[in-house]
PDB file of N, CA and C in Angstrom:
ATOM      1  N   UNK A   1     -10.181 -11.606   6.739  1.00  0.00           N
ATOM      2  CA  UNK A   1     -10.552 -10.218   6.977  1.00  0.00           C
ATOM      3  C   UNK A   1     -11.663  -9.847   6.001  1.00  0.00           C
ATOM      4  N   UNK A   2     -12.629  -9.123   6.514  1.00  0.00           N
ATOM      5  CA  UNK A   2     -13.759  -8.698   5.695  1.00  0.00           C
ATOM      6  C   UNK A   2     -13.804  -7.173   5.673  1.00  0.00           C
ATOM      7  N   UNK A   3     -13.938  -6.597   4.497  1.00  0.00           N
ATOM      8  CA  UNK A   3     -14.009  -5.144   4.357  1.00  0.00           C
ATOM      9  C   UNK A   3     -15.331  -4.762   3.716  1.00  0.00           C
ATOM     10  N   UNK A   4     -15.982  -3.753   4.299  1.00  0.00           N
ATOM     11  CA  UNK A   4     -17.194  -3.190   3.721  1.00  0.00           C
ATOM     12  C   UNK A   4     -16.843  -1.796   3.220  1.00  0.00           C
ATOM     13  N   UNK A   5     -17.043  -1.559   1.929  1.00  0.00           N
ATOM     14  CA  UNK A   5     -16.755  -0.261   1.337  1.00  0.00           C
ATOM     15  C   UNK A   5     -18.052   0.517   1.178  1.00  0.00           C
ATOM     16  N   UNK A   6     -18.037   1.738   1.688  1.00  0.00           N
ATOM     17  CA  UNK A   6     -19.198   2.611   1.595  1.00  0.00           C
ATOM     18  C   UNK A   6     -18.813   3.816   0.739  1.00  0.00           C
ATOM     19  N   UNK A   7     -19.417   3.916  -0.436  1.00  0.00           N
ATOM     20  CA  UNK A   7     -19.205   5.069  -1.308  1.00  0.00           C
ATOM     21  C   UNK A   7     -20.092   6.195  -0.786  1.00  0.00           C
ATOM     22  N   UNK A   8     -19.500   7.301  -0.418  1.00  0.00           N
ATOM     23  CA  UNK A   8     -20.261   8.395   0.171  1.00  0.00           C
ATOM     24  C   UNK A   8     -21.029   9.176  -0.892  1.00  0.00           C
ATOM     25  N   UNK A   9     -22.310   9.401  -0.646  1.00  0.00           N
ATOM     26  CA  UNK A   9     -23.119  10.238  -1.533  1.00  0.00           C
ATOM     27  C   UNK A   9     -22.770  11.705  -1.325  1.00  0.00           C
ATOM     28  N   UNK A  10     -22.304  12.011  -0.121  1.00  0.00           N
ATOM     29  CA  UNK A  10     -21.931  13.379   0.246  1.00  0.00           C
ATOM     30  C   UNK A  10     -20.500  13.351   0.787  1.00  0.00           C
ATOM     31  N   UNK A  11     -19.492  13.435  -0.084  1.00  0.00           N
ATOM     32  CA  UNK A  11     -18.103  13.408   0.372  1.00  0.00           C
ATOM     33  C   UNK A  11     -17.844  14.486   1.423  1.00  0.00           C
ATOM     34  N   UNK A  12     -16.866  14.223   2.280  1.00  0.00           N
ATOM     35  CA  UNK A  12     -16.498  15.169   3.333  1.00  0.00           C
ATOM     36  C   UNK A  12     -15.037  15.565   3.161  1.00  0.00           C
ATOM     37  N   UNK A  13     -14.694  16.696   3.706  1.00  0.00           N
ATOM     38  CA  UNK A  13     -13.321  17.188   3.610  1.00  0.00           C
ATOM     39  C   UNK A  13     -12.582  16.937   4.919  1.00  0.00           C
ATOM     40  N   UNK A  14     -11.336  16.539   4.767  1.00  0.00           N
ATOM     41  CA  UNK A  14     -10.421  16.410   5.907  1.00  0.00           C
ATOM     42  C   UNK A  14      -9.151  17.149   5.513  1.00  0.00           C
ATOM     43  N   UNK A  15      -9.061  18.398   5.971  1.00  0.00           N
ATOM     44  CA  UNK A  15      -7.967  19.252   5.503  1.00  0.00           C
ATOM     45  C   UNK A  15      -8.185  19.530   4.025  1.00  0.00           C
ATOM     46  N   UNK A  16      -7.205  19.164   3.204  1.00  0.00           N
ATOM     47  CA  UNK A  16      -7.329  19.359   1.759  1.00  0.00           C
ATOM     48  C   UNK A  16      -7.774  18.084   1.041  1.00  0.00           C
ATOM     49  N   UNK A  17      -7.952  17.004   1.808  1.00  0.00           N
ATOM     50  CA  UNK A  17      -8.334  15.715   1.226  1.00  0.00           C
ATOM     51  C   UNK A  17      -9.852  15.548   1.220  1.00  0.00           C
ATOM     52  N   UNK A  18     -10.392  15.161   0.059  1.00  0.00           N
ATOM     53  CA  UNK A  18     -11.805  14.844  -0.038  1.00  0.00           C
ATOM     54  C   UNK A  18     -11.987  13.350   0.210  1.00  0.00           C
ATOM     55  N   UNK A  19     -12.765  13.010   1.214  1.00  0.00           N
ATOM     56  CA  UNK A  19     -13.040  11.619   1.548  1.00  0.00           C
ATOM     57  C   UNK A  19     -14.317  11.219   0.819  1.00  0.00           C
ATOM     58  N   UNK A  20     -14.178  10.300  -0.137  1.00  0.00           N
ATOM     59  CA  UNK A  20     -15.311   9.888  -0.971  1.00  0.00           C
ATOM     60  C   UNK A  20     -15.814   8.495  -0.634  1.00  0.00           C
ATOM     61  N   UNK A  21     -15.040   7.754   0.161  1.00  0.00           N
ATOM     62  CA  UNK A  21     -15.450   6.402   0.549  1.00  0.00           C
ATOM     63  C   UNK A  21     -14.848   6.057   1.895  1.00  0.00           C
ATOM     64  N   UNK A  22     -15.538   5.175   2.581  1.00  0.00           N
ATOM     65  CA  UNK A  22     -15.038   4.643   3.845  1.00  0.00           C
ATOM     66  C   UNK A  22     -14.922   3.139   3.685  1.00  0.00           C
ATOM     67  N   UNK A  23     -13.867   2.569   4.225  1.00  0.00           N
ATOM     68  CA  UNK A  23     -13.680   1.123   4.194  1.00  0.00           C
ATOM     69  C   UNK A  23     -13.613   0.619   5.621  1.00  0.00           C
ATOM     70  N   UNK A  24     -14.699  -0.005   6.064  1.00  0.00           N
ATOM     71  CA  UNK A  24     -14.729  -0.604   7.393  1.00  0.00           C
ATOM     72  C   UNK A  24     -14.016  -1.943   7.297  1.00  0.00           C
ATOM     73  N   UNK A  25     -12.880  -2.037   7.973  1.00  0.00           N
ATOM     74  CA  UNK A  25     -12.070  -3.246   7.893  1.00  0.00           C
ATOM     75  C   UNK A  25     -12.288  -4.113   9.130  1.00  0.00           C
ATOM     76  N   UNK A  26     -12.833  -5.295   8.903  1.00  0.00           N
ATOM     77  CA  UNK A  26     -13.060  -6.247   9.983  1.00  0.00           C
ATOM     78  C   UNK A  26     -12.038  -7.349   9.910  1.00  0.00           C
ATOM     79  N   UNK A  27     -12.030  -8.219  10.861  1.00  0.00           N
ATOM     80  CA  UNK A  27     -13.045  -8.362  11.887  1.00  0.00           C
ATOM     81  C   UNK A  27     -12.887  -7.319  12.992  1.00  0.00           C
ATOM     82  N   UNK A  28     -13.936  -7.190  13.768  1.00  0.00           N
ATOM     83  CA  UNK A  28     -13.924  -6.308  14.915  1.00  0.00           C
ATOM     84  C   UNK A  28     -12.885  -6.830  15.904  1.00  0.00           C
ATOM     85  N   UNK A  29     -12.020  -5.931  16.383  1.00  0.00           N
ATOM     86  CA  UNK A  29     -10.933  -6.316  17.289  1.00  0.00           C
ATOM     87  C   UNK A  29     -10.982  -5.481  18.561  1.00  0.00           C
ATOM     88  N   UNK A  30     -10.220  -5.914  19.537  1.00  0.00           N
ATOM     89  CA  UNK A  30     -10.145  -5.196  20.802  1.00  0.00           C
ATOM     90  C   UNK A  30      -9.739  -3.746  20.633  1.00  0.00           C
ATOM     91  N   UNK A  31      -8.841  -3.464  19.701  1.00  0.00           N
ATOM     92  CA  UNK A  31      -8.387  -2.085  19.498  1.00  0.00           C
ATOM     93  C   UNK A  31      -9.524  -1.173  19.057  1.00  0.00           C
ATOM     94  N   UNK A  32     -10.532  -1.733  18.401  1.00  0.00           N
ATOM     95  CA  UNK A  32     -11.683  -0.937  17.968  1.00  0.00           C
ATOM     96  C   UNK A  32     -12.602  -0.612  19.135  1.00  0.00           C
ATOM     97  N   UNK A  33     -12.604  -1.482  20.150  1.00  0.00           N
ATOM     98  CA  UNK A  33     -13.522  -1.346  21.278  1.00  0.00           C
ATOM     99  C   UNK A  33     -12.883  -0.756  22.529  1.00  0.00           C
ATOM    100  N   UNK A  34     -11.602  -0.483  22.479  1.00  0.00           N
ATOM    101  CA  UNK A  34     -10.909   0.048  23.656  1.00  0.00           C
ATOM    102  C   UNK A  34     -11.612   1.305  24.179  1.00  0.00           C
ATOM    103  N   UNK A  35     -11.966   1.280  25.476  1.00  0.00           N
ATOM    104  CA  UNK A  35     -12.613   2.424  26.112  1.00  0.00           C
ATOM    105  C   UNK A  35     -14.112   2.512  25.896  1.00  0.00           C
ATOM    106  N   UNK A  36     -14.677   1.561  25.156  1.00  0.00           N
ATOM    107  CA  UNK A  36     -16.121   1.553  24.892  1.00  0.00           C
ATOM    108  C   UNK A  36     -16.792   0.671  25.954  1.00  0.00           C
ATOM    109  N   UNK A  37     -17.856   1.156  26.599  1.00  0.00           N
ATOM    110  CA  UNK A  37     -18.520   0.324  27.608  1.00  0.00           C
ATOM    111  C   UNK A  37     -19.220  -0.873  26.952  1.00  0.00           C
ATOM    112  N   UNK A  38     -19.287  -1.966  27.682  1.00  0.00           N
ATOM    113  CA  UNK A  38     -19.938  -3.158  27.138  1.00  0.00           C
ATOM    114  C   UNK A  38     -21.453  -3.046  27.179  1.00  0.00           C
ATOM    115  N   UNK A  39     -21.963  -2.162  28.001  1.00  0.00           N
ATOM    116  CA  UNK A  39     -23.403  -1.937  28.095  1.00  0.00           C
ATOM    117  C   UNK A  39     -23.704  -0.507  27.674  1.00  0.00           C
ATOM    118  N   UNK A  40     -24.901  -0.293  27.191  1.00  0.00           N
ATOM    119  CA  UNK A  40     -25.369   1.055  26.849  1.00  0.00           C
ATOM    120  C   UNK A  40     -24.497   1.747  25.810  1.00  0.00           C
ATOM    121  N   UNK A  41     -24.206   1.061  24.719  1.00  0.00           N
ATOM    122  CA  UNK A  41     -23.433   1.671  23.636  1.00  0.00           C
ATOM    123  C   UNK A  41     -24.279   2.760  22.988  1.00  0.00           C
ATOM    124  N   UNK A  42     -23.710   3.951  22.863  1.00  0.00           N
ATOM    125  CA  UNK A  42     -24.433   5.101  22.319  1.00  0.00           C
ATOM    126  C   UNK A  42     -24.056   5.339  20.860  1.00  0.00           C
ATOM    127  N   UNK A  43     -24.765   6.268  20.253  1.00  0.00           N
ATOM    128  CA  UNK A  43     -24.477   6.709  18.893  1.00  0.00           C
ATOM    129  C   UNK A  43     -23.021   7.163  18.781  1.00  0.00           C
ATOM    130  N   UNK A  44     -22.553   7.940  19.766  1.00  0.00           N
ATOM    131  CA  UNK A  44     -21.158   8.405  19.769  1.00  0.00           C
ATOM    132  C   UNK A  44     -20.189   7.237  19.757  1.00  0.00           C
ATOM    133  N   UNK A  45     -20.505   6.196  20.524  1.00  0.00           N
ATOM    134  CA  UNK A  45     -19.632   5.024  20.566  1.00  0.00           C
ATOM    135  C   UNK A  45     -19.563   4.325  19.216  1.00  0.00           C
ATOM    136  N   UNK A  46     -20.721   4.194  18.556  1.00  0.00           N
ATOM    137  CA  UNK A  46     -20.749   3.527  17.246  1.00  0.00           C
ATOM    138  C   UNK A  46     -19.923   4.319  16.233  1.00  0.00           C
ATOM    139  N   UNK A  47     -20.037   5.648  16.251  1.00  0.00           N
ATOM    140  CA  UNK A  47     -19.221   6.469  15.338  1.00  0.00           C
ATOM    141  C   UNK A  47     -17.737   6.339  15.656  1.00  0.00           C
ATOM    142  N   UNK A  48     -17.406   6.256  16.936  1.00  0.00           N
ATOM    143  CA  UNK A  48     -16.012   6.093  17.333  1.00  0.00           C
ATOM    144  C   UNK A  48     -15.456   4.755  16.833  1.00  0.00           C
ATOM    145  N   UNK A  49     -16.250   3.695  16.999  1.00  0.00           N
ATOM    146  CA  UNK A  49     -15.840   2.373  16.518  1.00  0.00           C
ATOM    147  C   UNK A  49     -15.681   2.391  15.001  1.00  0.00           C
ATOM    148  N   UNK A  50     -16.633   2.986  14.292  1.00  0.00           N
ATOM    149  CA  UNK A  50     -16.563   3.059  12.829  1.00  0.00           C
ATOM    150  C   UNK A  50     -15.308   3.804  12.389  1.00  0.00           C
ATOM    151  N   UNK A  51     -15.019   4.926  13.034  1.00  0.00           N
ATOM    152  CA  UNK A  51     -13.816   5.685  12.702  1.00  0.00           C
ATOM    153  C   UNK A  51     -12.557   4.864  12.890  1.00  0.00           C
ATOM    154  N   UNK A  52     -12.516   4.110  13.968  1.00  0.00           N
ATOM    155  CA  UNK A  52     -11.355   3.249  14.228  1.00  0.00           C
ATOM    156  C   UNK A  52     -11.249   2.137  13.189  1.00  0.00           C
ATOM    157  N   UNK A  53     -12.397   1.586  12.781  1.00  0.00           N
ATOM    158  CA  UNK A  53     -12.383   0.494  11.804  1.00  0.00           C
ATOM    159  C   UNK A  53     -11.967   0.964  10.419  1.00  0.00           C
ATOM    160  N   UNK A  54     -12.207   2.240  10.099  1.00  0.00           N
ATOM    161  CA  UNK A  54     -11.839   2.718   8.768  1.00  0.00           C
ATOM    162  C   UNK A  54     -10.625   3.648   8.801  1.00  0.00           C
ATOM    163  N   UNK A  55     -10.080   3.882   9.987  1.00  0.00           N
ATOM    164  CA  UNK A  55      -8.844   4.664  10.085  1.00  0.00           C
ATOM    165  C   UNK A  55      -9.023   6.157   9.918  1.00  0.00           C
ATOM    166  N   UNK A  56     -10.221   6.661  10.208  1.00  0.00           N
ATOM    167  CA  UNK A  56     -10.462   8.099  10.101  1.00  0.00           C
ATOM    168  C   UNK A  56     -10.654   8.724  11.469  1.00  0.00           C
ATOM    169  N   UNK A  57     -10.237   9.957  11.587  1.00  0.00           N
ATOM    170  CA  UNK A  57     -10.356  10.696  12.841  1.00  0.00           C
ATOM    171  C   UNK A  57     -11.811  11.088  13.077  1.00  0.00           C
ATOM    172  N   UNK A  58     -12.173  11.371  14.333  1.00  0.00           N
ATOM    173  CA  UNK A  58     -13.563  11.735  14.648  1.00  0.00           C
ATOM    174  C   UNK A  58     -14.111  12.890  13.827  1.00  0.00           C
ATOM    175  N   UNK A  59     -13.291  13.862  13.474  1.00  0.00           N
ATOM    176  CA  UNK A  59     -13.806  15.008  12.723  1.00  0.00           C
ATOM    177  C   UNK A  59     -14.332  14.608  11.343  1.00  0.00           C
ATOM    178  N   UNK A  60     -13.785  13.549  10.762  1.00  0.00           N
ATOM    179  CA  UNK A  60     -14.306  13.046   9.488  1.00  0.00           C
ATOM    180  C   UNK A  60     -15.663  12.397   9.726  1.00  0.00           C
ATOM    181  N   UNK A  61     -15.752  11.559  10.746  1.00  0.00           N
ATOM    182  CA  UNK A  61     -16.994  10.842  11.025  1.00  0.00           C
ATOM    183  C   UNK A  61     -18.120  11.807  11.388  1.00  0.00           C
ATOM    184  N   UNK A  62     -17.794  12.881  12.081  1.00  0.00           N
ATOM    185  CA  UNK A  62     -18.792  13.859  12.510  1.00  0.00           C
ATOM    186  C   UNK A  62     -19.392  14.641  11.342  1.00  0.00           C
ATOM    187  N   UNK A  63     -18.728  14.643  10.186  1.00  0.00           N
ATOM    188  CA  UNK A  63     -19.229  15.370   9.026  1.00  0.00           C
ATOM    189  C   UNK A  63     -20.193  14.552   8.172  1.00  0.00           C
ATOM    190  N   UNK A  64     -20.318  13.258   8.442  1.00  0.00           N
ATOM    191  CA  UNK A  64     -21.187  12.408   7.628  1.00  0.00           C
ATOM    192  C   UNK A  64     -22.624  12.898   7.681  1.00  0.00           C
ATOM    193  N   UNK A  65     -23.300  12.795   6.535  1.00  0.00           N
ATOM    194  CA  UNK A  65     -24.671  13.277   6.418  1.00  0.00           C
ATOM    195  C   UNK A  65     -25.649  12.145   6.155  1.00  0.00           C
ATOM    196  N   UNK A  66     -26.888  12.353   6.556  1.00  0.00           N
ATOM    197  CA  UNK A  66     -28.044  11.524   6.231  1.00  0.00           C
ATOM    198  C   UNK A  66     -27.806  10.073   5.886  1.00  0.00           C
ATOM    199  N   UNK A  67     -27.986   9.747   4.602  1.00  0.00           N
ATOM    200  CA  UNK A  67     -27.877   8.365   4.132  1.00  0.00           C
ATOM    201  C   UNK A  67     -26.505   7.770   4.427  1.00  0.00           C
ATOM    202  N   UNK A  68     -25.453   8.562   4.260  1.00  0.00           N
ATOM    203  CA  UNK A  68     -24.100   8.068   4.519  1.00  0.00           C
ATOM    204  C   UNK A  68     -23.943   7.692   5.988  1.00  0.00           C
ATOM    205  N   UNK A  69     -24.424   8.546   6.856  1.00  0.00           N
ATOM    206  CA  UNK A  69     -24.337   8.316   8.290  1.00  0.00           C
ATOM    207  C   UNK A  69     -25.102   7.054   8.680  1.00  0.00           C
ATOM    208  N   UNK A  70     -26.303   6.909   8.169  1.00  0.00           N
ATOM    209  CA  UNK A  70     -27.111   5.742   8.501  1.00  0.00           C
ATOM    210  C   UNK A  70     -26.481   4.449   7.989  1.00  0.00           C
ATOM    211  N   UNK A  71     -25.881   4.507   6.821  1.00  0.00           N
ATOM    212  CA  UNK A  71     -25.214   3.306   6.261  1.00  0.00           C
ATOM    213  C   UNK A  71     -24.013   2.913   7.117  1.00  0.00           C
ATOM    214  N   UNK A  72     -23.235   3.902   7.569  1.00  0.00           N
ATOM    215  CA  UNK A  72     -22.082   3.617   8.428  1.00  0.00           C
ATOM    216  C   UNK A  72     -22.550   2.982   9.737  1.00  0.00           C
ATOM    217  N   UNK A  73     -23.605   3.520  10.324  1.00  0.00           N
ATOM    218  CA  UNK A  73     -24.139   2.969  11.574  1.00  0.00           C
ATOM    219  C   UNK A  73     -24.627   1.538  11.361  1.00  0.00           C
ATOM    220  N   UNK A  74     -25.352   1.317  10.273  1.00  0.00           N
ATOM    221  CA  UNK A  74     -25.883  -0.016   9.964  1.00  0.00           C
ATOM    222  C   UNK A  74     -24.758  -1.037   9.789  1.00  0.00           C
ATOM    223  N   UNK A  75     -23.757  -0.684   8.994  1.00  0.00           N
ATOM    224  CA  UNK A  75     -22.668  -1.625   8.726  1.00  0.00           C
ATOM    225  C   UNK A  75     -21.824  -1.878   9.971  1.00  0.00           C
ATOM    226  N   UNK A  76     -21.573  -0.834  10.752  1.00  0.00           N
ATOM    227  CA  UNK A  76     -20.798  -1.000  11.984  1.00  0.00           C
ATOM    228  C   UNK A  76     -21.568  -1.873  12.966  1.00  0.00           C
ATOM    229  N   UNK A  77     -22.863  -1.675  13.060  1.00  0.00           N
ATOM    230  CA  UNK A  77     -23.701  -2.487  13.950  1.00  0.00           C
ATOM    231  C   UNK A  77     -23.653  -3.955  13.549  1.00  0.00           C
ATOM    232  N   UNK A  78     -23.536  -4.217  12.251  1.00  0.00           N
ATOM    233  CA  UNK A  78     -23.408  -5.590  11.775  1.00  0.00           C
ATOM    234  C   UNK A  78     -22.157  -6.264  12.322  1.00  0.00           C
ATOM    235  N   UNK A  79     -21.070  -5.526  12.387  1.00  0.00           N
ATOM    236  CA  UNK A  79     -19.833  -6.070  12.963  1.00  0.00           C
ATOM    237  C   UNK A  79     -20.017  -6.290  14.463  1.00  0.00           C
ATOM    238  N   UNK A  80     -20.705  -5.365  15.135  1.00  0.00           N
ATOM    239  CA  UNK A  80     -20.909  -5.469  16.590  1.00  0.00           C
ATOM    240  C   UNK A  80     -21.775  -6.663  16.975  1.00  0.00           C
ATOM    241  N   UNK A  81     -22.774  -6.937  16.145  1.00  0.00           N
ATOM    242  CA  UNK A  81     -23.704  -8.027  16.476  1.00  0.00           C
ATOM    243  C   UNK A  81     -23.198  -9.388  16.004  1.00  0.00           C
ATOM    244  N   UNK A  82     -22.070  -9.398  15.310  1.00  0.00           N
ATOM    245  CA  UNK A  82     -21.541 -10.665  14.803  1.00  0.00           C
ATOM    246  C   UNK A  82     -22.131 -11.052  13.459  1.00  0.00           C
ATOM    247  N   UNK A  83     -22.909 -10.165  12.855  1.00  0.00           N
ATOM    248  CA  UNK A  83     -23.559 -10.462  11.587  1.00  0.00           C
ATOM    249  C   UNK A  83     -22.638 -10.458  10.391  1.00  0.00           C
ATOM    250  N   UNK A  84     -21.367 -10.156  10.570  1.00  0.00           N
ATOM    251  CA  UNK A  84     -20.429 -10.104   9.457  1.00  0.00           C
ATOM    252  C   UNK A  84     -19.518 -11.320   9.389  1.00  0.00           C
ATOM    253  N   UNK A  85     -19.804 -12.376  10.147  1.00  0.00           N
ATOM    254  CA  UNK A  85     -18.933 -13.534  10.198  1.00  0.00           C
ATOM    255  C   UNK A  85     -18.757 -14.173   8.836  1.00  0.00           C
ATOM    256  N   UNK A  86     -19.838 -14.353   8.085  1.00  0.00           N
ATOM    257  CA  UNK A  86     -19.747 -15.020   6.779  1.00  0.00           C
ATOM    258  C   UNK A  86     -19.518 -14.043   5.646  1.00  0.00           C
ATOM    259  N   UNK A  87     -19.628 -12.742   5.938  1.00  0.00           N
ATOM    260  CA  UNK A  87     -19.444 -11.757   4.892  1.00  0.00           C
ATOM    261  C   UNK A  87     -20.694 -11.492   4.090  1.00  0.00           C
ATOM    262  N   UNK A  88     -21.813 -12.062   4.500  1.00  0.00           N
ATOM    263  CA  UNK A  88     -23.050 -11.826   3.754  1.00  0.00           C
ATOM    264  C   UNK A  88     -23.893 -10.744   4.391  1.00  0.00           C
TER     265      UNK A  88
END
């Protein structure tokens, strides 16, 4: 199992909990992709997959800002493209 930890530059709130980091836990599994089309994956789909991989609800993912958002998209895309096989 490979985990990518993203320290958020702009923490987000979920209820009374401050989320300061996200841990994308791989490998990518069927449960992460359930209901996602195999073609034409959108930005919304990538955020949904990222939320599933780190165990956060959509409302947490929707609050991500700028650099944090782009890093989550980049790292999640790495899992989607198979670029995380060796962990490098």
